[in-house]
Amino acid sequence: MKTCAISIIILFKLFAIIFTFYSLNLQANIKVTDGPYIDVEPKHMNVSWICDDQVSKENHPLATKEAPHSLNYCGLSAQVEQTTFKDDPIIFETKEKIAALSDLHGQYHLMKTLLKNNGILDRKDNWAFGKGHFVITGDIFDRGDQVTEILWLLHKIEQQALRAGGRVHLLLGNHEVMVLNGDLRYLHPKYVKTGEFLKVPFQKLVNKNTILGRWLRSKPVLLKINGYLFTHGGFHPSLAKHPLSLSDLNHIFKSYLVKGEPHQTRTGMARFLHKSNGLVWYRGYFKDNGATEKELELLLKHFDVDHVVVGHTSQRKIETRHNGKVIAIDSSIKKGKYGEILFIEDDNLYRGTLDGERMPLK
């Protein structure tokens, strides 16, 4: 038995060496085209791009809604209308359509196909969902190699949606929190090289003095629209025992989003919300020993909702759990082959497939 255990340990170490060698080799062969990354100074913006391993830097006046900037370089683009951001609201009542998906993980082209075929984007990558609400429950970062493109596209259509009377709601997932805090273990090798070219650890490219960093820090970790409560991982049943509102939970989580901004350590409820049973990590709706029906009922009653909508735990397609009370919208987009969008229309639920077909969610 002991010999067998030693053999398994040796195999794991050998696998780790092979994986590391493969990753380093892959990283060495990647030609990087990435950006823009924009640092905000008192009177101007410093814009950095990388095109086929060549760094380009530009200075631009500060962007405003009255004087927006359209930035284009090497096939990449960004629409910049502001350099500071207020925290997004988290509670809405609407009669408009709602769409939601999760866990894009750098799969830019698959995301665009899914959004175009389902009427969220038009053929020119502009907002086409009118006054509707479009929710992304986190995890733009890591795994895939077109994270920056997704961020700037969402940044653009967020502004377009507001002008049309609609809303784009980007929520924070565990991978946003990880990258903002310098946990880069799932970063695609392309972004490791991006940091090397720009001479900073990757998390510094989304720090609080950058446009993307400020924008991400303005995003909530939860959202309530009508009777639907959205978050990345889920709400642990024990939260029903605390006299905390959704606004309280969001505020506590956000106050300790990035260590050292302004707090050094997470304690009490802040620590709980950021750990394995917290809002971006919880998987208890999908485990046999997880949340019970009774616990879930108490949770829904406590927050005055009918459904919890979560990503984080991958499925083959959008599915429900606990008699429809939990809606799982991580449809494995991260694999780069398929994905779905949840549609909520007049309280009817549909799966929007990659081809744009609408199917009732049962």
Protein backbone atom coordinates (compact mmCIF):
# COMPACT_ATOMS: atom_id res chain seq x y z
CA MET A 1 0.00 0.00 0.00
CA LYS A 2 2.82 2.36 0.93
CA THR A 3 4.65 1.61 -2.35
CA CYS A 4 1.46 2.35 -4.29
CA ALA A 5 1.04 5.70 -2.54
CA ILE A 6 4.66 6.65 -3.31
CA SER A 7 4.14 5.72 -6.97
CA ILE A 8 1.05 7.95 -7.17
CA ILE A 9 2.96 10.87 -5.65
CA ILE A 10 5.78 10.39 -8.18
CA LEU A 11 3.25 10.30 -11.04
CA PHE A 12 1.64 13.53 -9.83
CA LYS A 13 5.04 15.24 -9.61
CA LEU A 14 5.96 14.00 -13.09
CA PHE A 15 2.66 15.31 -14.43
CA ALA A 16 3.30 18.70 -12.78
CA ILE A 17 6.75 18.91 -14.41
CA ILE A 18 5.33 18.02 -17.84
CA PHE A 19 2.48 20.53 -17.44
CA THR A 20 4.90 23.28 -16.39
CA PHE A 21 7.18 22.53 -19.35
CA TYR A 22 4.21 22.57 -21.73
CA SER A 23 2.92 25.87 -20.33
CA LEU A 24 6.33 27.54 -20.57
CA ASN A 25 6.76 26.29 -24.13
CA LEU A 26 3.29 27.53 -25.05
CA GLN A 27 4.03 30.87 -23.48
CA ALA A 28 7.29 31.20 -25.41
CA ASN A 29 5.53 30.61 -28.75
CA ILE A 30 2.67 33.08 -28.23
CA LYS A 31 2.75 36.35 -30.17
CA VAL A 32 0.88 38.87 -28.08
CA THR A 33 -1.63 41.38 -29.39
CA ASP A 34 -3.47 42.97 -26.48
CA GLY A 35 -4.91 46.14 -25.01
CA PRO A 36 -5.62 48.88 -24.44
CA TYR A 37 -4.59 49.27 -20.81
CA ILE A 38 -5.24 52.83 -19.69
CA ASP A 39 -3.68 54.57 -16.70
CA VAL A 40 -5.42 57.76 -15.59
CA GLU A 41 -3.32 60.79 -14.73
CA PRO A 42 -4.66 64.14 -13.45
CA LYS A 43 -4.75 65.71 -16.93
CA HIS A 44 -4.39 62.84 -19.42
CA MET A 45 -4.59 59.10 -20.04
CA ASN A 46 -1.59 56.86 -20.70
CA VAL A 47 -2.65 54.17 -23.17
CA SER A 48 -0.60 50.98 -23.68
CA TRP A 49 -1.05 48.46 -26.49
CA ILE A 50 0.86 45.41 -27.66
CA CYS A 51 0.81 44.43 -31.35
CA ASP A 52 2.64 41.23 -32.32
CA ASP A 53 4.98 41.55 -29.34
CA GLN A 54 5.65 45.25 -30.01
CA VAL A 55 4.65 47.75 -27.31
CA SER A 56 3.04 51.04 -28.28
CA LYS A 57 2.24 53.86 -25.85
CA GLU A 58 0.07 56.93 -26.41
CA ASN A 59 -1.13 59.94 -24.40
CA HIS A 60 -4.71 61.15 -24.74
CA PRO A 61 -6.74 63.89 -23.05
CA LEU A 62 -9.09 62.68 -20.34
CA ALA A 63 -12.25 61.19 -21.82
CA THR A 64 -15.69 62.51 -20.84
CA LYS A 65 -19.23 61.94 -22.07
CA GLU A 66 -18.93 65.29 -23.86
CA ALA A 67 -15.57 64.31 -25.36
CA PRO A 68 -15.40 60.49 -25.60
CA HIS A 69 -12.44 58.71 -27.13
CA SER A 70 -12.57 55.95 -29.72
CA LEU A 71 -9.28 54.08 -29.50
CA ASN A 72 -8.16 51.67 -32.22
CA TYR A 73 -4.88 49.90 -32.77
CA CYS A 74 -3.79 46.64 -34.35
CA GLY A 75 -7.35 45.34 -34.77
CA LEU A 76 -8.34 46.15 -31.18
CA SER A 77 -10.66 48.91 -30.04
CA ALA A 78 -12.10 50.61 -26.97
CA GLN A 79 -14.75 53.27 -26.44
CA VAL A 80 -13.88 55.48 -23.47
CA GLU A 81 -16.44 57.95 -22.12
CA GLN A 82 -15.37 58.44 -18.52
CA THR A 83 -12.49 57.83 -16.16
CA THR A 84 -14.35 57.51 -12.86
CA PHE A 85 -17.30 55.29 -11.98
CA LYS A 86 -19.98 55.18 -9.32
CA ASP A 87 -20.95 51.86 -7.76
CA ASP A 88 -23.69 50.17 -9.75
CA PRO A 89 -27.14 49.85 -8.13
CA ILE A 90 -28.19 46.31 -7.21
CA ILE A 91 -32.00 46.28 -7.00
CA PHE A 92 -34.34 46.75 -9.97
CA GLU A 93 -38.00 46.29 -10.80
CA THR A 94 -38.79 46.03 -14.49
CA LYS A 95 -41.33 44.77 -16.99
CA GLU A 96 -38.65 44.47 -19.65
CA LYS A 97 -36.95 41.28 -20.83
CA ILE A 98 -34.01 39.91 -18.86
CA ALA A 99 -31.12 37.87 -20.27
CA ALA A 100 -28.30 36.27 -18.28
CA LEU A 101 -25.18 34.17 -18.80
CA SER A 102 -22.01 33.39 -16.91
CA ASP A 103 -18.37 32.26 -16.99
CA LEU A 104 -17.16 33.62 -20.32
CA HIS A 105 -13.48 33.04 -19.42
CA GLY A 106 -11.95 34.80 -22.39
CA GLN A 107 -14.10 33.11 -25.07
CA TYR A 108 -14.69 36.32 -27.02
CA HIS A 109 -15.77 34.93 -30.39
CA LEU A 110 -18.10 32.32 -28.92
CA MET A 111 -19.63 35.02 -26.72
CA LYS A 112 -20.25 37.29 -29.70
CA THR A 113 -21.86 34.47 -31.70
CA LEU A 114 -24.13 33.66 -28.78
CA LEU A 115 -25.10 37.30 -28.22
CA LYS A 116 -25.72 38.05 -31.89
CA ASN A 117 -27.80 34.95 -32.51
CA ASN A 118 -29.93 35.78 -29.48
CA GLY A 119 -30.54 39.46 -30.20
CA ILE A 120 -28.32 41.03 -27.55
CA LEU A 121 -25.86 42.40 -30.12
CA ASP A 122 -26.40 43.46 -33.73
CA ARG A 123 -24.10 42.42 -36.57
CA LYS A 124 -21.74 45.32 -35.85
CA ASP A 125 -21.28 44.38 -32.17
CA ASN A 126 -23.58 47.11 -30.88
CA TRP A 127 -26.36 46.88 -28.28
CA ALA A 128 -29.59 45.45 -29.76
CA PHE A 129 -31.56 44.48 -26.63
CA GLY A 130 -33.45 47.76 -26.31
CA LYS A 131 -34.69 48.43 -22.78
CA GLY A 132 -33.84 44.91 -21.65
CA HIS A 133 -31.53 43.92 -18.79
CA PHE A 134 -28.50 41.78 -19.64
CA VAL A 135 -26.72 40.13 -16.67
CA ILE A 136 -23.29 38.47 -16.62
CA THR A 137 -22.73 36.71 -13.30
CA GLY A 138 -18.95 36.94 -13.32
CA ASP A 139 -15.81 35.17 -14.50
CA ILE A 140 -14.66 37.11 -17.54
CA PHE A 141 -11.04 36.56 -16.49
CA ASP A 142 -8.69 33.57 -16.74
CA ARG A 143 -8.42 30.42 -18.86
CA GLY A 144 -9.08 31.98 -22.30
CA ASP A 145 -6.94 34.39 -24.30
CA GLN A 146 -9.39 37.20 -25.19
CA VAL A 147 -10.36 38.58 -21.81
CA THR A 148 -9.47 42.19 -22.64
CA GLU A 149 -11.63 42.14 -25.77
CA ILE A 150 -14.63 40.96 -23.73
CA LEU A 151 -14.11 43.64 -21.08
CA TRP A 152 -13.99 46.48 -23.60
CA LEU A 153 -17.00 45.14 -25.52
CA LEU A 154 -19.07 44.95 -22.33
CA HIS A 155 -17.80 48.39 -21.35
CA LYS A 156 -19.02 49.76 -24.68
CA ILE A 157 -22.46 48.15 -24.75
CA GLU A 158 -23.04 49.13 -21.12
CA GLN A 159 -23.04 52.77 -22.23
CA GLN A 160 -25.13 51.99 -25.32
CA ALA A 161 -27.68 50.12 -23.22
CA LEU A 162 -28.08 53.07 -20.82
CA ARG A 163 -28.77 55.41 -23.74
CA ALA A 164 -31.41 52.97 -25.02
CA GLY A 165 -33.08 52.69 -21.61
CA GLY A 166 -31.64 49.24 -20.92
CA ARG A 167 -28.95 47.88 -18.62
CA VAL A 168 -25.85 45.71 -18.71
CA HIS A 169 -25.10 44.24 -15.28
CA LEU A 170 -21.62 42.77 -14.84
CA LEU A 171 -21.23 41.00 -11.49
CA LEU A 172 -17.94 39.99 -9.92
CA GLY A 173 -16.97 36.31 -9.95
CA ASN A 174 -14.23 34.50 -8.11
CA HIS A 175 -11.81 34.93 -11.01
CA GLU A 176 -12.23 38.71 -11.03
CA VAL A 177 -11.52 38.73 -7.30
CA MET A 178 -8.51 36.46 -7.77
CA VAL A 179 -6.90 38.55 -10.51
CA LEU A 180 -7.53 41.86 -8.72
CA ASN A 181 -5.74 40.36 -5.71
CA GLY A 182 -2.80 39.03 -7.70
CA ASP A 183 -3.80 35.35 -7.74
CA LEU A 184 -2.81 34.63 -11.34
CA ARG A 185 -2.65 30.82 -11.31
CA TYR A 186 -5.37 30.45 -14.00
CA LEU A 187 -4.14 33.29 -16.20
CA HIS A 188 -3.64 32.37 -19.85
CA PRO A 189 0.07 32.51 -20.80
CA LYS A 190 -0.70 35.40 -23.18
CA TYR A 191 -1.45 37.65 -20.20
CA VAL A 192 1.69 36.59 -18.38
CA LYS A 193 3.59 37.87 -21.42
CA THR A 194 1.46 41.04 -21.50
CA GLY A 195 2.67 41.82 -17.99
CA GLU A 196 6.25 41.10 -19.00
CA PHE A 197 6.05 43.40 -22.03
CA LEU A 198 4.54 46.22 -19.97
CA LYS A 199 6.97 45.50 -17.10
CA VAL A 200 4.38 44.98 -14.34
CA PRO A 201 2.57 42.01 -12.78
CA PHE A 202 -0.69 41.56 -14.67
CA GLN A 203 -2.89 42.65 -11.74
CA LYS A 204 -1.23 46.09 -11.90
CA LEU A 205 -2.81 46.57 -15.33
CA VAL A 206 -6.23 46.61 -13.64
CA ASN A 207 -5.27 48.57 -10.53
CA LYS A 208 -7.39 51.38 -9.08
CA ASN A 209 -5.67 54.01 -11.24
CA THR A 210 -6.68 52.33 -14.51
CA ILE A 211 -9.98 52.64 -16.36
CA LEU A 212 -10.66 48.90 -16.43
CA GLY A 213 -9.62 48.58 -12.79
CA ARG A 214 -11.89 51.41 -11.67
CA TRP A 215 -14.75 50.06 -13.75
CA LEU A 216 -14.41 46.56 -12.29
CA ARG A 217 -14.28 47.95 -8.75
CA SER A 218 -17.62 49.67 -9.37
CA LYS A 219 -19.33 46.33 -10.06
CA PRO A 220 -21.46 44.53 -7.47
CA VAL A 221 -21.29 40.92 -6.34
CA LEU A 222 -25.06 40.43 -6.35
CA LEU A 223 -28.14 41.76 -8.11
CA LYS A 224 -31.90 41.52 -7.58
CA ILE A 225 -34.27 42.01 -10.51
CA ASN A 226 -37.92 41.42 -9.71
CA GLY A 227 -38.07 38.02 -7.97
CA TYR A 228 -34.66 36.84 -9.24
CA LEU A 229 -31.48 37.05 -7.16
CA PHE A 230 -28.27 36.84 -9.19
CA THR A 231 -24.75 36.12 -7.96
CA HIS A 232 -21.77 34.12 -9.12
CA GLY A 233 -21.53 31.18 -6.70
CA GLY A 234 -24.59 31.35 -4.47
CA PHE A 235 -26.00 32.32 -1.09
CA HIS A 236 -25.17 29.96 1.75
CA PRO A 237 -28.33 29.12 3.75
CA SER A 238 -26.79 30.53 6.93
CA LEU A 239 -27.15 34.04 5.47
CA ALA A 240 -30.89 33.77 6.19
CA LYS A 241 -30.01 33.88 9.91
CA HIS A 242 -28.25 37.24 9.70
CA PRO A 243 -30.11 40.57 9.82
CA LEU A 244 -28.21 41.74 6.74
CA SER A 245 -29.83 43.16 3.64
CA LEU A 246 -28.59 42.56 0.12
CA SER A 247 -27.10 46.05 0.18
CA ASP A 248 -25.28 45.18 3.43
CA LEU A 249 -23.82 42.01 1.94
CA ASN A 250 -22.71 43.77 -1.21
CA HIS A 251 -21.16 46.62 0.76
CA ILE A 252 -19.24 44.28 3.07
CA PHE A 253 -17.94 42.18 0.18
CA LYS A 254 -16.91 45.24 -1.84
CA SER A 255 -15.25 46.96 1.14
CA TYR A 256 -12.82 44.04 1.30
CA LEU A 257 -12.65 43.31 -2.43
CA VAL A 258 -8.92 43.95 -2.83
CA LYS A 259 -6.66 43.44 0.17
CA GLY A 260 -5.11 46.73 1.18
CA GLU A 261 -7.86 48.81 -0.52
CA PRO A 262 -8.36 50.03 2.17
CA HIS A 263 -8.36 47.04 4.54
CA GLN A 264 -5.45 44.66 5.01
CA THR A 265 -7.29 41.62 6.36
CA ARG A 266 -10.79 40.17 6.10
CA THR A 267 -12.47 39.24 9.37
CA GLY A 268 -15.95 38.25 10.47
CA MET A 269 -18.62 38.45 7.76
CA ALA A 270 -16.13 39.89 5.26
CA ARG A 271 -13.99 36.78 5.63
CA PHE A 272 -17.03 34.49 5.36
CA LEU A 273 -18.26 36.20 2.18
CA HIS A 274 -14.86 35.77 0.51
CA LYS A 275 -14.26 32.15 1.56
CA SER A 276 -15.59 28.83 0.18
CA ASN A 277 -19.16 29.37 1.44
CA GLY A 278 -19.20 32.97 0.23
CA LEU A 279 -20.95 34.58 -2.69
CA VAL A 280 -18.39 33.88 -5.41
CA TRP A 281 -17.27 30.38 -4.30
CA TYR A 282 -20.34 28.57 -2.95
CA ARG A 283 -21.39 25.33 -4.71
CA GLY A 284 -23.83 23.96 -2.14
CA TYR A 285 -26.85 23.91 -4.45
CA PHE A 286 -25.20 21.14 -6.47
CA LYS A 287 -24.03 18.80 -3.71
CA ASP A 288 -25.92 15.98 -2.05
CA ASN A 289 -24.85 17.31 1.35
CA GLY A 290 -25.40 20.94 0.41
CA ALA A 291 -28.42 23.20 0.87
CA THR A 292 -31.70 21.49 1.75
CA GLU A 293 -35.11 22.43 0.38
CA LYS A 294 -36.13 23.86 3.74
CA GLU A 295 -32.96 25.95 4.02
CA LEU A 296 -33.42 27.26 0.52
CA GLU A 297 -37.02 28.23 1.23
CA LEU A 298 -35.90 30.22 4.27
CA LEU A 299 -33.19 31.92 2.22
CA LEU A 300 -35.59 32.94 -0.54
CA LYS A 301 -38.10 34.24 1.99
CA HIS A 302 -35.39 36.19 3.83
CA PHE A 303 -34.37 38.06 0.68
CA ASP A 304 -37.92 38.23 -0.74
CA VAL A 305 -37.15 36.43 -4.01
CA ASP A 306 -38.45 33.38 -5.83
CA HIS A 307 -35.28 32.18 -7.57
CA VAL A 308 -31.50 32.30 -7.18
CA VAL A 309 -29.57 32.50 -10.47
CA VAL A 310 -25.92 31.40 -10.30
CA GLY A 311 -22.91 30.57 -12.46
CA HIS A 312 -19.61 29.10 -11.23
CA THR A 313 -20.67 25.42 -11.27
CA SER A 314 -20.53 24.20 -14.87
CA GLN A 315 -23.37 22.40 -16.59
CA ARG A 316 -23.77 21.15 -20.17
CA LYS A 317 -26.65 23.62 -20.62
CA ILE A 318 -28.75 25.94 -18.48
CA GLU A 319 -30.52 23.83 -15.87
CA THR A 320 -32.59 24.16 -12.71
CA ARG A 321 -32.21 22.61 -9.27
CA HIS A 322 -34.44 22.39 -6.19
CA ASN A 323 -37.73 22.42 -8.12
CA GLY A 324 -36.75 25.43 -10.17
CA LYS A 325 -35.72 27.62 -7.22
CA VAL A 326 -32.07 27.54 -8.34
CA ILE A 327 -31.20 28.35 -11.97
CA ALA A 328 -27.71 27.30 -13.06
CA ILE A 329 -26.48 29.42 -16.00
CA ASP A 330 -22.82 28.36 -16.32
CA SER A 331 -23.27 26.48 -19.60
CA SER A 332 -19.55 25.67 -20.02
CA ILE A 333 -18.76 28.55 -22.37
CA LYS A 334 -15.20 28.32 -21.03
CA LYS A 335 -14.63 25.21 -23.17
CA GLY A 336 -15.03 27.32 -26.30
CA LYS A 337 -17.53 25.05 -28.04
CA TYR A 338 -21.03 25.86 -26.83
CA GLY A 339 -23.01 28.16 -24.56
CA GLU A 340 -26.51 29.34 -23.69
CA ILE A 341 -28.33 32.44 -22.44
CA LEU A 342 -31.16 32.46 -19.93
CA PHE A 343 -34.15 34.59 -20.96
CA ILE A 344 -36.81 35.74 -18.52
CA GLU A 345 -39.88 37.16 -20.26
CA ASP A 346 -43.16 37.77 -18.39
CA ASP A 347 -41.83 35.36 -15.75
CA ASN A 348 -41.43 32.60 -18.36
CA LEU A 349 -37.98 31.04 -18.58
CA TYR A 350 -36.21 30.09 -21.81
CA ARG A 351 -32.84 28.75 -22.88
CA GLY A 352 -31.31 30.68 -25.76
CA THR A 353 -29.05 28.24 -27.62
CA LEU A 354 -25.89 29.05 -29.55
CA ASP A 355 -27.93 28.98 -32.78
CA GLY A 356 -30.49 31.40 -31.36
CA GLU A 357 -33.25 28.87 -30.74
CA ARG A 358 -35.53 29.54 -27.74
CA MET A 359 -36.40 26.51 -25.66
CA PRO A 360 -38.60 26.52 -22.52
CA LEU A 361 -36.59 25.92 -19.36
CA LYS A 362 -38.20 23.11 -17.43
